[in-house]
Amino acid sequence: MSMGIVHCKFLPQGQTINQHVYKEILRRLLRSVREKRREFWQDKSWLLHHDNAPAHNKNTAVLEHPSYSPHLAPWDFFLFPKFKGVIKGTRFEDVNNIKMAVTTELRLGKCLRLQGDYFEGENW
């Protein structure tokens, strides 16, 4: 069951994602889950699925799954096509304008899910 985005972080253009940056993003994600989805945090009923982690170097088990599964790659099958539809034909002056367009679309989705109820900040 999907309840929407818990954490969103834009990195500076050209930022290299090394272990320090990655660990900091994971710390922020954990804090967001703890604050925004308390029920999942308390009963530990959530999983993090992400791609391109060098699991083979860290003696970590790799879960086998179909390479093109919308259940395991929701960004590719749901979110990215949705954003492409929103920004299609728009010419952006810089990366900040793209971020604003994407963030606005995410917030509009939250507003629709809440049927217009008030929400504040980045609590998607």
PDB file of N, CA and C in Angstrom:
ATOM      1  N   MET A   1       0.847  -1.179   0.000  1.00  0.00           N
ATOM      2  CA  MET A   1       0.000   0.000   0.000  1.00  0.00           C
ATOM      3  C   MET A   1       0.890   1.239   0.000  1.00  0.00           C
ATOM      4  N   SER A   2       0.690   2.111  -0.931  1.00  0.00           N
ATOM      5  CA  SER A   2       1.477   3.324  -1.036  1.00  0.00           C
ATOM      6  C   SER A   2       0.734   4.474  -0.367  1.00  0.00           C
ATOM      7  N   MET A   3       1.454   5.239   0.437  1.00  0.00           N
ATOM      8  CA  MET A   3       0.860   6.396   1.107  1.00  0.00           C
ATOM      9  C   MET A   3       1.543   7.682   0.667  1.00  0.00           C
ATOM     10  N   GLY A   4       2.284   7.623  -0.414  1.00  0.00           N
ATOM     11  CA  GLY A   4       2.932   8.816  -0.923  1.00  0.00           C
ATOM     12  C   GLY A   4       4.381   8.927  -0.505  1.00  0.00           C
ATOM     13  N   ILE A   5       4.966  10.014  -0.886  1.00  0.00           N
ATOM     14  CA  ILE A   5       6.389  10.253  -0.665  1.00  0.00           C
ATOM     15  C   ILE A   5       6.631  10.651   0.778  1.00  0.00           C
ATOM     16  N   VAL A   6       7.656  10.065   1.370  1.00  0.00           N
ATOM     17  CA  VAL A   6       8.019  10.369   2.749  1.00  0.00           C
ATOM     18  C   VAL A   6       9.153  11.385   2.787  1.00  0.00           C
ATOM     19  N   HIS A   7      10.063  11.294   1.836  1.00  0.00           N
ATOM     20  CA  HIS A   7      11.235  12.168   1.854  1.00  0.00           C
ATOM     21  C   HIS A   7      11.659  12.488   0.429  1.00  0.00           C
ATOM     22  N   CYS A   8      12.017  13.713   0.185  1.00  0.00           N
ATOM     23  CA  CYS A   8      12.486  14.144  -1.127  1.00  0.00           C
ATOM     24  C   CYS A   8      13.694  15.043  -0.917  1.00  0.00           C
ATOM     25  N   LYS A   9      14.776  14.757  -1.612  1.00  0.00           N
ATOM     26  CA  LYS A   9      15.996  15.559  -1.471  1.00  0.00           C
ATOM     27  C   LYS A   9      16.580  15.823  -2.846  1.00  0.00           C
ATOM     28  N   PHE A  10      16.739  17.085  -3.210  1.00  0.00           N
ATOM     29  CA  PHE A  10      17.409  17.462  -4.446  1.00  0.00           C
ATOM     30  C   PHE A  10      18.864  17.748  -4.110  1.00  0.00           C
ATOM     31  N   LEU A  11      19.769  17.188  -4.867  1.00  0.00           N
ATOM     32  CA  LEU A  11      21.193  17.436  -4.671  1.00  0.00           C
ATOM     33  C   LEU A  11      21.654  18.507  -5.647  1.00  0.00           C
ATOM     34  N   PRO A  12      22.716  19.234  -5.277  1.00  0.00           N
ATOM     35  CA  PRO A  12      23.244  20.243  -6.200  1.00  0.00           C
ATOM     36  C   PRO A  12      23.675  19.601  -7.519  1.00  0.00           C
ATOM     37  N   GLN A  13      23.531  20.339  -8.592  1.00  0.00           N
ATOM     38  CA  GLN A  13      23.921  19.828  -9.902  1.00  0.00           C
ATOM     39  C   GLN A  13      25.402  19.463  -9.888  1.00  0.00           C
ATOM     40  N   GLY A  14      25.724  18.281 -10.388  1.00  0.00           N
ATOM     41  CA  GLY A  14      27.107  17.816 -10.431  1.00  0.00           C
ATOM     42  C   GLY A  14      27.584  17.169  -9.147  1.00  0.00           C
ATOM     43  N   GLN A  15      26.729  17.089  -8.137  1.00  0.00           N
ATOM     44  CA  GLN A  15      27.105  16.489  -6.848  1.00  0.00           C
ATOM     45  C   GLN A  15      27.433  15.013  -7.031  1.00  0.00           C
ATOM     46  N   THR A  16      28.586  14.603  -6.535  1.00  0.00           N
ATOM     47  CA  THR A  16      28.950  13.191  -6.548  1.00  0.00           C
ATOM     48  C   THR A  16      28.307  12.529  -5.346  1.00  0.00           C
ATOM     49  N   ILE A  17      27.680  11.401  -5.570  1.00  0.00           N
ATOM     50  CA  ILE A  17      27.052  10.681  -4.463  1.00  0.00           C
ATOM     51  C   ILE A  17      28.041   9.634  -3.977  1.00  0.00           C
ATOM     52  N   ASN A  18      28.735   9.979  -2.905  1.00  0.00           N
ATOM     53  CA  ASN A  18      29.658   9.032  -2.291  1.00  0.00           C
ATOM     54  C   ASN A  18      29.001   8.456  -1.043  1.00  0.00           C
ATOM     55  N   GLN A  19      29.739   7.652  -0.306  1.00  0.00           N
ATOM     56  CA  GLN A  19      29.133   6.993   0.855  1.00  0.00           C
ATOM     57  C   GLN A  19      28.674   7.986   1.909  1.00  0.00           C
ATOM     58  N   HIS A  20      29.370   9.101   2.065  1.00  0.00           N
ATOM     59  CA  HIS A  20      28.986  10.083   3.090  1.00  0.00           C
ATOM     60  C   HIS A  20      27.666  10.769   2.730  1.00  0.00           C
ATOM     61  N   VAL A  21      27.534  11.170   1.485  1.00  0.00           N
ATOM     62  CA  VAL A  21      26.291  11.798   1.025  1.00  0.00           C
ATOM     63  C   VAL A  21      25.143  10.804   1.127  1.00  0.00           C
ATOM     64  N   TYR A  22      25.386   9.578   0.678  1.00  0.00           N
ATOM     65  CA  TYR A  22      24.349   8.545   0.687  1.00  0.00           C
ATOM     66  C   TYR A  22      23.887   8.241   2.110  1.00  0.00           C
ATOM     67  N   LYS A  23      24.844   8.112   3.040  1.00  0.00           N
ATOM     68  CA  LYS A  23      24.484   7.823   4.433  1.00  0.00           C
ATOM     69  C   LYS A  23      23.686   8.971   5.042  1.00  0.00           C
ATOM     70  N   GLU A  24      24.034  10.204   4.695  1.00  0.00           N
ATOM     71  CA  GLU A  24      23.292  11.352   5.219  1.00  0.00           C
ATOM     72  C   GLU A  24      21.855  11.364   4.684  1.00  0.00           C
ATOM     73  N   ILE A  25      21.681  11.045   3.423  1.00  0.00           N
ATOM     74  CA  ILE A  25      20.332  10.976   2.858  1.00  0.00           C
ATOM     75  C   ILE A  25      19.536   9.865   3.535  1.00  0.00           C
ATOM     76  N   LEU A  26      20.167   8.717   3.784  1.00  0.00           N
ATOM     77  CA  LEU A  26      19.475   7.630   4.490  1.00  0.00           C
ATOM     78  C   LEU A  26      19.092   8.039   5.907  1.00  0.00           C
ATOM     79  N   ARG A  27      19.979   8.778   6.600  1.00  0.00           N
ATOM     80  CA  ARG A  27      19.640   9.265   7.955  1.00  0.00           C
ATOM     81  C   ARG A  27      18.398  10.158   7.912  1.00  0.00           C
ATOM     82  N   ARG A  28      18.366  11.057   6.930  1.00  0.00           N
ATOM     83  CA  ARG A  28      17.213  11.955   6.795  1.00  0.00           C
ATOM     84  C   ARG A  28      15.947  11.173   6.459  1.00  0.00           C
ATOM     85  N   LEU A  29      16.085  10.149   5.613  1.00  0.00           N
ATOM     86  CA  LEU A  29      14.935   9.310   5.280  1.00  0.00           C
ATOM     87  C   LEU A  29      14.401   8.614   6.525  1.00  0.00           C
ATOM     88  N   LEU A  30      15.291   8.036   7.320  1.00  0.00           N
ATOM     89  CA  LEU A  30      14.857   7.358   8.549  1.00  0.00           C
ATOM     90  C   LEU A  30      14.147   8.328   9.487  1.00  0.00           C
ATOM     91  N   ARG A  31      14.688   9.533   9.612  1.00  0.00           N
ATOM     92  CA  ARG A  31      14.047  10.543  10.467  1.00  0.00           C
ATOM     93  C   ARG A  31      12.663  10.902   9.916  1.00  0.00           C
ATOM     94  N   SER A  32      12.543  11.015   8.596  1.00  0.00           N
ATOM     95  CA  SER A  32      11.245  11.325   7.984  1.00  0.00           C
ATOM     96  C   SER A  32      10.234  10.215   8.219  1.00  0.00           C
ATOM     97  N   VAL A  33      10.672   8.958   8.098  1.00  0.00           N
ATOM     98  CA  VAL A  33       9.759   7.837   8.360  1.00  0.00           C
ATOM     99  C   VAL A  33       9.321   7.869   9.816  1.00  0.00           C
ATOM    100  N   ARG A  34      10.271   8.092  10.719  1.00  0.00           N
ATOM    101  CA  ARG A  34       9.948   8.125  12.150  1.00  0.00           C
ATOM    102  C   ARG A  34       8.947   9.240  12.463  1.00  0.00           C
ATOM    103  N   GLU A  35       9.093  10.406  11.815  1.00  0.00           N
ATOM    104  CA  GLU A  35       8.220  11.543  12.101  1.00  0.00           C
ATOM    105  C   GLU A  35       6.894  11.506  11.338  1.00  0.00           C
ATOM    106  N   LYS A  36       6.920  11.062  10.081  1.00  0.00           N
ATOM    107  CA  LYS A  36       5.742  11.166   9.226  1.00  0.00           C
ATOM    108  C   LYS A  36       4.926   9.888   9.126  1.00  0.00           C
ATOM    109  N   ARG A  37       5.526   8.752   9.404  1.00  0.00           N
ATOM    110  CA  ARG A  37       4.835   7.461   9.331  1.00  0.00           C
ATOM    111  C   ARG A  37       5.118   6.673  10.604  1.00  0.00           C
ATOM    112  N   ARG A  38       4.735   7.267  11.728  1.00  0.00           N
ATOM    113  CA  ARG A  38       5.046   6.680  13.039  1.00  0.00           C
ATOM    114  C   ARG A  38       4.600   5.230  13.169  1.00  0.00           C
ATOM    115  N   GLU A  39       3.424   4.913  12.605  1.00  0.00           N
ATOM    116  CA  GLU A  39       2.909   3.550  12.736  1.00  0.00           C
ATOM    117  C   GLU A  39       3.837   2.546  12.054  1.00  0.00           C
ATOM    118  N   PHE A  40       4.433   2.917  10.935  1.00  0.00           N
ATOM    119  CA  PHE A  40       5.371   2.015  10.256  1.00  0.00           C
ATOM    120  C   PHE A  40       6.674   1.909  11.035  1.00  0.00           C
ATOM    121  N   TRP A  41       7.107   3.038  11.583  1.00  0.00           N
ATOM    122  CA  TRP A  41       8.359   3.045  12.338  1.00  0.00           C
ATOM    123  C   TRP A  41       8.231   2.176  13.587  1.00  0.00           C
ATOM    124  N   GLN A  42       7.115   2.289  14.282  1.00  0.00           N
ATOM    125  CA  GLN A  42       6.944   1.559  15.540  1.00  0.00           C
ATOM    126  C   GLN A  42       6.841   0.062  15.338  1.00  0.00           C
ATOM    127  N   ASP A  43       6.096  -0.380  14.330  1.00  0.00           N
ATOM    128  CA  ASP A  43       5.960  -1.833  14.150  1.00  0.00           C
ATOM    129  C   ASP A  43       6.932  -2.390  13.108  1.00  0.00           C
ATOM    130  N   LYS A  44       7.830  -1.524  12.614  1.00  0.00           N
ATOM    131  CA  LYS A  44       8.868  -1.935  11.660  1.00  0.00           C
ATOM    132  C   LYS A  44       8.284  -2.665  10.451  1.00  0.00           C
ATOM    133  N   SER A  45       7.164  -2.163   9.945  1.00  0.00           N
ATOM    134  CA  SER A  45       6.459  -2.834   8.852  1.00  0.00           C
ATOM    135  C   SER A  45       6.768  -2.225   7.485  1.00  0.00           C
ATOM    136  N   TRP A  46       7.866  -1.521   7.353  1.00  0.00           N
ATOM    137  CA  TRP A  46       8.192  -0.911   6.078  1.00  0.00           C
ATOM    138  C   TRP A  46       9.525  -1.439   5.560  1.00  0.00           C
ATOM    139  N   LEU A  47       9.674  -1.380   4.248  1.00  0.00           N
ATOM    140  CA  LEU A  47      10.896  -1.821   3.585  1.00  0.00           C
ATOM    141  C   LEU A  47      11.387  -0.706   2.677  1.00  0.00           C
ATOM    142  N   LEU A  48      12.683  -0.624   2.535  1.00  0.00           N
ATOM    143  CA  LEU A  48      13.283   0.315   1.594  1.00  0.00           C
ATOM    144  C   LEU A  48      13.816  -0.485   0.417  1.00  0.00           C
ATOM    145  N   HIS A  49      13.331  -0.166  -0.767  1.00  0.00           N
ATOM    146  CA  HIS A  49      13.827  -0.821  -1.976  1.00  0.00           C
ATOM    147  C   HIS A  49      14.459   0.244  -2.853  1.00  0.00           C
ATOM    148  N   HIS A  50      15.708   0.052  -3.176  1.00  0.00           N
ATOM    149  CA  HIS A  50      16.375   0.988  -4.071  1.00  0.00           C
ATOM    150  C   HIS A  50      17.324   0.229  -4.978  1.00  0.00           C
ATOM    151  N   ASP A  51      17.692   0.870  -6.073  1.00  0.00           N
ATOM    152  CA  ASP A  51      18.535   0.233  -7.083  1.00  0.00           C
ATOM    153  C   ASP A  51      19.960   0.771  -7.014  1.00  0.00           C
ATOM    154  N   ASN A  52      20.844   0.073  -7.719  1.00  0.00           N
ATOM    155  CA  ASN A  52      22.226   0.499  -7.937  1.00  0.00           C
ATOM    156  C   ASN A  52      23.078   0.521  -6.677  1.00  0.00           C
ATOM    157  N   ALA A  53      22.690  -0.170  -5.646  1.00  0.00           N
ATOM    158  CA  ALA A  53      23.539  -0.290  -4.465  1.00  0.00           C
ATOM    159  C   ALA A  53      24.558  -1.398  -4.724  1.00  0.00           C
ATOM    160  N   PRO A  54      25.822  -1.187  -4.372  1.00  0.00           N
ATOM    161  CA  PRO A  54      26.841  -2.207  -4.628  1.00  0.00           C
ATOM    162  C   PRO A  54      26.778  -3.341  -3.611  1.00  0.00           C
ATOM    163  N   ALA A  55      25.656  -4.026  -3.566  1.00  0.00           N
ATOM    164  CA  ALA A  55      25.458  -5.084  -2.574  1.00  0.00           C
ATOM    165  C   ALA A  55      26.468  -6.209  -2.734  1.00  0.00           C
ATOM    166  N   HIS A  56      26.894  -6.482  -3.961  1.00  0.00           N
ATOM    167  CA  HIS A  56      27.828  -7.581  -4.181  1.00  0.00           C
ATOM    168  C   HIS A  56      29.178  -7.333  -3.512  1.00  0.00           C
ATOM    169  N   ASN A  57      29.504  -6.089  -3.215  1.00  0.00           N
ATOM    170  CA  ASN A  57      30.769  -5.774  -2.552  1.00  0.00           C
ATOM    171  C   ASN A  57      30.660  -5.810  -1.033  1.00  0.00           C
ATOM    172  N   LYS A  58      29.474  -5.842  -0.512  1.00  0.00           N
ATOM    173  CA  LYS A  58      29.277  -5.716   0.931  1.00  0.00           C
ATOM    174  C   LYS A  58      28.728  -6.981   1.571  1.00  0.00           C
ATOM    175  N   ASN A  59      28.784  -8.111   0.862  1.00  0.00           N
ATOM    176  CA  ASN A  59      28.257  -9.379   1.380  1.00  0.00           C
ATOM    177  C   ASN A  59      26.802  -9.249   1.818  1.00  0.00           C
ATOM    178  N   THR A  60      26.019  -8.559   1.021  1.00  0.00           N
ATOM    179  CA  THR A  60      24.606  -8.356   1.296  1.00  0.00           C
ATOM    180  C   THR A  60      23.793  -9.197   0.319  1.00  0.00           C
ATOM    181  N   ALA A  61      22.756  -9.829   0.827  1.00  0.00           N
ATOM    182  CA  ALA A  61      21.905 -10.644  -0.044  1.00  0.00           C
ATOM    183  C   ALA A  61      21.175  -9.756  -1.042  1.00  0.00           C
ATOM    184  N   VAL A  62      21.110 -10.191  -2.274  1.00  0.00           N
ATOM    185  CA  VAL A  62      20.415  -9.460  -3.323  1.00  0.00           C
ATOM    186  C   VAL A  62      19.121 -10.189  -3.632  1.00  0.00           C
ATOM    187  N   LEU A  63      18.003  -9.470  -3.586  1.00  0.00           N
ATOM    188  CA  LEU A  63      16.708 -10.065  -3.901  1.00  0.00           C
ATOM    189  C   LEU A  63      16.533 -10.128  -5.410  1.00  0.00           C
ATOM    190  N   GLU A  64      16.228 -11.299  -5.919  1.00  0.00           N
ATOM    191  CA  GLU A  64      15.971 -11.449  -7.346  1.00  0.00           C
ATOM    192  C   GLU A  64      14.545 -10.989  -7.642  1.00  0.00           C
ATOM    193  N   HIS A  65      14.364 -10.240  -8.708  1.00  0.00           N
ATOM    194  CA  HIS A  65      13.041  -9.794  -9.115  1.00  0.00           C
ATOM    195  C   HIS A  65      13.048  -9.510 -10.611  1.00  0.00           C
ATOM    196  N   PRO A  66      11.884  -9.470 -11.219  1.00  0.00           N
ATOM    197  CA  PRO A  66      11.827  -9.160 -12.646  1.00  0.00           C
ATOM    198  C   PRO A  66      12.397  -7.766 -12.909  1.00  0.00           C
ATOM    199  N   SER A  67      13.120  -7.624 -13.982  1.00  0.00           N
ATOM    200  CA  SER A  67      13.791  -6.347 -14.243  1.00  0.00           C
ATOM    201  C   SER A  67      12.825  -5.205 -14.547  1.00  0.00           C
ATOM    202  N   TYR A  68      11.642  -5.502 -15.052  1.00  0.00           N
ATOM    203  CA  TYR A  68      10.687  -4.446 -15.377  1.00  0.00           C
ATOM    204  C   TYR A  68       9.379  -4.670 -14.642  1.00  0.00           C
ATOM    205  N   SER A  69       9.413  -4.526 -13.340  1.00  0.00           N
ATOM    206  CA  SER A  69       8.220  -4.728 -12.531  1.00  0.00           C
ATOM    207  C   SER A  69       7.729  -3.384 -12.004  1.00  0.00           C
ATOM    208  N   PRO A  70       6.505  -2.979 -12.322  1.00  0.00           N
ATOM    209  CA  PRO A  70       6.007  -1.704 -11.806  1.00  0.00           C
ATOM    210  C   PRO A  70       5.876  -1.691 -10.291  1.00  0.00           C
ATOM    211  N   HIS A  71       5.841  -2.867  -9.663  1.00  0.00           N
ATOM    212  CA  HIS A  71       5.750  -2.911  -8.206  1.00  0.00           C
ATOM    213  C   HIS A  71       7.096  -2.617  -7.558  1.00  0.00           C
ATOM    214  N   LEU A  72       8.170  -2.888  -8.270  1.00  0.00           N
ATOM    215  CA  LEU A  72       9.497  -2.705  -7.704  1.00  0.00           C
ATOM    216  C   LEU A  72      10.209  -1.472  -8.240  1.00  0.00           C
ATOM    217  N   ALA A  73       9.694  -0.876  -9.262  1.00  0.00           N
ATOM    218  CA  ALA A  73      10.277   0.342  -9.812  1.00  0.00           C
ATOM    219  C   ALA A  73       9.167   1.357 -10.077  1.00  0.00           C
ATOM    220  N   PRO A  74       8.454   1.786  -9.027  1.00  0.00           N
ATOM    221  CA  PRO A  74       7.300   2.672  -9.236  1.00  0.00           C
ATOM    222  C   PRO A  74       7.675   4.006  -9.862  1.00  0.00           C
ATOM    223  N   TRP A  75       8.885   4.497  -9.620  1.00  0.00           N
ATOM    224  CA  TRP A  75       9.273   5.783 -10.200  1.00  0.00           C
ATOM    225  C   TRP A  75       9.273   5.699 -11.717  1.00  0.00           C
ATOM    226  N   ASP A  76       9.799   4.588 -12.243  1.00  0.00           N
ATOM    227  CA  ASP A  76       9.888   4.440 -13.690  1.00  0.00           C
ATOM    228  C   ASP A  76       8.518   4.301 -14.339  1.00  0.00           C
ATOM    229  N   PHE A  77       7.591   3.632 -13.672  1.00  0.00           N
ATOM    230  CA  PHE A  77       6.311   3.316 -14.282  1.00  0.00           C
ATOM    231  C   PHE A  77       5.200   4.301 -13.925  1.00  0.00           C
ATOM    232  N   PHE A  78       5.352   5.043 -12.837  1.00  0.00           N
ATOM    233  CA  PHE A  78       4.291   5.955 -12.425  1.00  0.00           C
ATOM    234  C   PHE A  78       4.767   7.405 -12.377  1.00  0.00           C
ATOM    235  N   LEU A  79       5.765   7.664 -11.564  1.00  0.00           N
ATOM    236  CA  LEU A  79       6.126   9.049 -11.270  1.00  0.00           C
ATOM    237  C   LEU A  79       6.786   9.761 -12.445  1.00  0.00           C
ATOM    238  N   PHE A  80       7.800   9.157 -13.058  1.00  0.00           N
ATOM    239  CA  PHE A  80       8.504   9.834 -14.144  1.00  0.00           C
ATOM    240  C   PHE A  80       7.594  10.139 -15.332  1.00  0.00           C
ATOM    241  N   PRO A  81       6.763   9.180 -15.785  1.00  0.00           N
ATOM    242  CA  PRO A  81       5.847   9.532 -16.882  1.00  0.00           C
ATOM    243  C   PRO A  81       4.875  10.655 -16.504  1.00  0.00           C
ATOM    244  N   LYS A  82       4.462  10.686 -15.240  1.00  0.00           N
ATOM    245  CA  LYS A  82       3.552  11.739 -14.786  1.00  0.00           C
ATOM    246  C   LYS A  82       4.234  13.106 -14.879  1.00  0.00           C
ATOM    247  N   PHE A  83       5.478  13.180 -14.423  1.00  0.00           N
ATOM    248  CA  PHE A  83       6.208  14.447 -14.497  1.00  0.00           C
ATOM    249  C   PHE A  83       6.494  14.841 -15.944  1.00  0.00           C
ATOM    250  N   LYS A  84       6.794  13.858 -16.773  1.00  0.00           N
ATOM    251  CA  LYS A  84       7.055  14.175 -18.178  1.00  0.00           C
ATOM    252  C   LYS A  84       5.817  14.798 -18.811  1.00  0.00           C
ATOM    253  N   GLY A  85       4.634  14.314 -18.432  1.00  0.00           N
ATOM    254  CA  GLY A  85       3.404  14.889 -18.959  1.00  0.00           C
ATOM    255  C   GLY A  85       3.191  16.318 -18.491  1.00  0.00           C
ATOM    256  N   VAL A  86       3.576  16.604 -17.258  1.00  0.00           N
ATOM    257  CA  VAL A  86       3.389  17.938 -16.681  1.00  0.00           C
ATOM    258  C   VAL A  86       4.347  18.946 -17.299  1.00  0.00           C
ATOM    259  N   ILE A  87       5.595  18.549 -17.522  1.00  0.00           N
ATOM    260  CA  ILE A  87       6.601  19.512 -17.986  1.00  0.00           C
ATOM    261  C   ILE A  87       6.856  19.448 -19.495  1.00  0.00           C
ATOM    262  N   LYS A  88       6.138  18.586 -20.185  1.00  0.00           N
ATOM    263  CA  LYS A  88       6.344  18.433 -21.627  1.00  0.00           C
ATOM    264  C   LYS A  88       6.124  19.766 -22.339  1.00  0.00           C
ATOM    265  N   GLY A  89       7.064  20.129 -23.182  1.00  0.00           N
ATOM    266  CA  GLY A  89       6.960  21.360 -23.948  1.00  0.00           C
ATOM    267  C   GLY A  89       7.377  22.603 -23.189  1.00  0.00           C
ATOM    268  N   THR A  90       7.747  22.466 -21.921  1.00  0.00           N
ATOM    269  CA  THR A  90       8.171  23.608 -21.117  1.00  0.00           C
ATOM    270  C   THR A  90       9.685  23.736 -21.188  1.00  0.00           C
ATOM    271  N   ARG A  91      10.159  24.937 -21.390  1.00  0.00           N
ATOM    272  CA  ARG A  91      11.601  25.180 -21.408  1.00  0.00           C
ATOM    273  C   ARG A  91      11.959  25.851 -20.088  1.00  0.00           C
ATOM    274  N   PHE A  92      12.836  25.215 -19.334  1.00  0.00           N
ATOM    275  CA  PHE A  92      13.231  25.735 -18.031  1.00  0.00           C
ATOM    276  C   PHE A  92      14.555  26.483 -18.150  1.00  0.00           C
ATOM    277  N   GLU A  93      14.634  27.607 -17.469  1.00  0.00           N
ATOM    278  CA  GLU A  93      15.851  28.419 -17.506  1.00  0.00           C
ATOM    279  C   GLU A  93      16.984  27.789 -16.700  1.00  0.00           C
ATOM    280  N   ASP A  94      16.620  27.127 -15.605  1.00  0.00           N
ATOM    281  CA  ASP A  94      17.656  26.500 -14.779  1.00  0.00           C
ATOM    282  C   ASP A  94      17.061  25.340 -13.986  1.00  0.00           C
ATOM    283  N   VAL A  95      17.919  24.649 -13.265  1.00  0.00           N
ATOM    284  CA  VAL A  95      17.513  23.466 -12.509  1.00  0.00           C
ATOM    285  C   VAL A  95      16.518  23.828 -11.412  1.00  0.00           C
ATOM    286  N   ASN A  96      16.656  25.000 -10.803  1.00  0.00           N
ATOM    287  CA  ASN A  96      15.732  25.404  -9.734  1.00  0.00           C
ATOM    288  C   ASN A  96      14.296  25.480 -10.239  1.00  0.00           C
ATOM    289  N   ASN A  97      14.097  25.921 -11.466  1.00  0.00           N
ATOM    290  CA  ASN A  97      12.740  25.968 -12.026  1.00  0.00           C
ATOM    291  C   ASN A  97      12.169  24.569 -12.222  1.00  0.00           C
ATOM    292  N   ILE A  98      13.020  23.615 -12.581  1.00  0.00           N
ATOM    293  CA  ILE A  98      12.569  22.222 -12.699  1.00  0.00           C
ATOM    294  C   ILE A  98      12.169  21.700 -11.327  1.00  0.00           C
ATOM    295  N   LYS A  99      12.992  21.973 -10.313  1.00  0.00           N
ATOM    296  CA  LYS A  99      12.683  21.536  -8.943  1.00  0.00           C
ATOM    297  C   LYS A  99      11.346  22.106  -8.487  1.00  0.00           C
ATOM    298  N   MET A 100      11.119  23.391  -8.778  1.00  0.00           N
ATOM    299  CA  MET A 100       9.863  24.019  -8.365  1.00  0.00           C
ATOM    300  C   MET A 100       8.671  23.361  -9.053  1.00  0.00           C
ATOM    301  N   ALA A 101       8.801  23.042 -10.338  1.00  0.00           N
ATOM    302  CA  ALA A 101       7.696  22.407 -11.066  1.00  0.00           C
ATOM    303  C   ALA A 101       7.394  21.028 -10.498  1.00  0.00           C
ATOM    304  N   VAL A 102       8.437  20.253 -10.220  1.00  0.00           N
ATOM    305  CA  VAL A 102       8.255  18.909  -9.672  1.00  0.00           C
ATOM    306  C   VAL A 102       7.658  18.983  -8.271  1.00  0.00           C
ATOM    307  N   THR A 103       8.185  19.870  -7.433  1.00  0.00           N
ATOM    308  CA  THR A 103       7.685  20.013  -6.065  1.00  0.00           C
ATOM    309  C   THR A 103       6.226  20.457  -6.066  1.00  0.00           C
ATOM    310  N   THR A 104       5.881  21.389  -6.935  1.00  0.00           N
ATOM    311  CA  THR A 104       4.485  21.839  -7.038  1.00  0.00           C
ATOM    312  C   THR A 104       3.575  20.677  -7.400  1.00  0.00           C
ATOM    313  N   GLU A 105       3.997  19.855  -8.342  1.00  0.00           N
ATOM    314  CA  GLU A 105       3.189  18.700  -8.752  1.00  0.00           C
ATOM    315  C   GLU A 105       3.025  17.716  -7.596  1.00  0.00           C
ATOM    316  N   LEU A 106       4.089  17.479  -6.836  1.00  0.00           N
ATOM    317  CA  LEU A 106       3.999  16.579  -5.680  1.00  0.00           C
ATOM    318  C   LEU A 106       3.024  17.122  -4.641  1.00  0.00           C
ATOM    319  N   ARG A 107       3.103  18.428  -4.380  1.00  0.00           N
ATOM    320  CA  ARG A 107       2.212  19.037  -3.394  1.00  0.00           C
ATOM    321  C   ARG A 107       0.759  19.015  -3.874  1.00  0.00           C
ATOM    322  N   LEU A 108       0.543  19.224  -5.163  1.00  0.00           N
ATOM    323  CA  LEU A 108      -0.822  19.152  -5.695  1.00  0.00           C
ATOM    324  C   LEU A 108      -1.394  17.754  -5.530  1.00  0.00           C
ATOM    325  N   GLY A 109      -0.566  16.740  -5.755  1.00  0.00           N
ATOM    326  CA  GLY A 109      -1.014  15.357  -5.555  1.00  0.00           C
ATOM    327  C   GLY A 109      -1.416  15.117  -4.119  1.00  0.00           C
ATOM    328  N   LYS A 110      -0.645  15.642  -3.176  1.00  0.00           N
ATOM    329  CA  LYS A 110      -0.969  15.496  -1.752  1.00  0.00           C
ATOM    330  C   LYS A 110      -2.298  16.195  -1.451  1.00  0.00           C
ATOM    331  N   CYS A 111      -2.476  17.386  -1.993  1.00  0.00           N
ATOM    332  CA  CYS A 111      -3.712  18.140  -1.768  1.00  0.00           C
ATOM    333  C   CYS A 111      -4.922  17.370  -2.298  1.00  0.00           C
ATOM    334  N   LEU A 112      -4.783  16.765  -3.467  1.00  0.00           N
ATOM    335  CA  LEU A 112      -5.884  15.975  -4.028  1.00  0.00           C
ATOM    336  C   LEU A 112      -6.191  14.754  -3.171  1.00  0.00           C
ATOM    337  N   ARG A 113      -5.135  14.067  -2.683  1.00  0.00           N
ATOM    338  CA  ARG A 113      -5.352  12.884  -1.835  1.00  0.00           C
ATOM    339  C   ARG A 113      -6.065  13.261  -0.541  1.00  0.00           C
ATOM    340  N   LEU A 114      -5.771  14.459  -0.016  1.00  0.00           N
ATOM    341  CA  LEU A 114      -6.400  14.909   1.230  1.00  0.00           C
ATOM    342  C   LEU A 114      -7.725  15.618   0.974  1.00  0.00           C
ATOM    343  N   GLN A 115      -8.154  15.635  -0.251  1.00  0.00           N
ATOM    344  CA  GLN A 115      -9.406  16.271  -0.659  1.00  0.00           C
ATOM    345  C   GLN A 115      -9.478  17.723  -0.207  1.00  0.00           C
ATOM    346  N   GLY A 116      -8.347  18.410  -0.360  1.00  0.00           N
ATOM    347  CA  GLY A 116      -8.298  19.830  -0.061  1.00  0.00           C
ATOM    348  C   GLY A 116      -7.999  20.181   1.378  1.00  0.00           C
ATOM    349  N   ASP A 117      -7.844  19.181   2.271  1.00  0.00           N
ATOM    350  CA  ASP A 117      -7.501  19.482   3.660  1.00  0.00           C
ATOM    351  C   ASP A 117      -6.155  20.189   3.732  1.00  0.00           C
ATOM    352  N   TYR A 118      -5.980  20.979   4.765  1.00  0.00           N
ATOM    353  CA  TYR A 118      -4.770  21.767   4.943  1.00  0.00           C
ATOM    354  C   TYR A 118      -3.587  20.883   5.306  1.00  0.00           C
ATOM    355  N   PHE A 119      -2.439  21.180   4.726  1.00  0.00           N
ATOM    356  CA  PHE A 119      -1.181  20.585   5.170  1.00  0.00           C
ATOM    357  C   PHE A 119      -0.105  21.637   4.998  1.00  0.00           C
ATOM    358  N   GLU A 120       0.996  21.462   5.708  1.00  0.00           N
ATOM    359  CA  GLU A 120       2.006  22.497   5.773  1.00  0.00           C
ATOM    360  C   GLU A 120       3.386  21.927   5.505  1.00  0.00           C
ATOM    361  N   GLY A 121       4.253  22.721   4.921  1.00  0.00           N
ATOM    362  CA  GLY A 121       5.647  22.338   4.739  1.00  0.00           C
ATOM    363  C   GLY A 121       5.834  21.202   3.759  1.00  0.00           C
ATOM    364  N   GLU A 122       6.899  20.429   3.990  1.00  0.00           N
ATOM    365  CA  GLU A 122       7.252  19.338   3.091  1.00  0.00           C
ATOM    366  C   GLU A 122       6.718  18.007   3.581  1.00  0.00           C
ATOM    367  N   ASN A 123       5.625  18.008   4.284  1.00  0.00           N
ATOM    368  CA  ASN A 123       5.022  16.754   4.757  1.00  0.00           C
ATOM    369  C   ASN A 123       4.150  16.185   3.656  1.00  0.00           C
ATOM    370  N   TRP A 124       4.786  15.678   2.607  1.00  0.00           N
ATOM    371  CA  TRP A 124       4.106  15.178   1.427  1.00  0.00           C
ATOM    372  C   TRP A 124       3.106  14.168   1.857  1.00  0.00           C
TER     373      TRP A 124
END
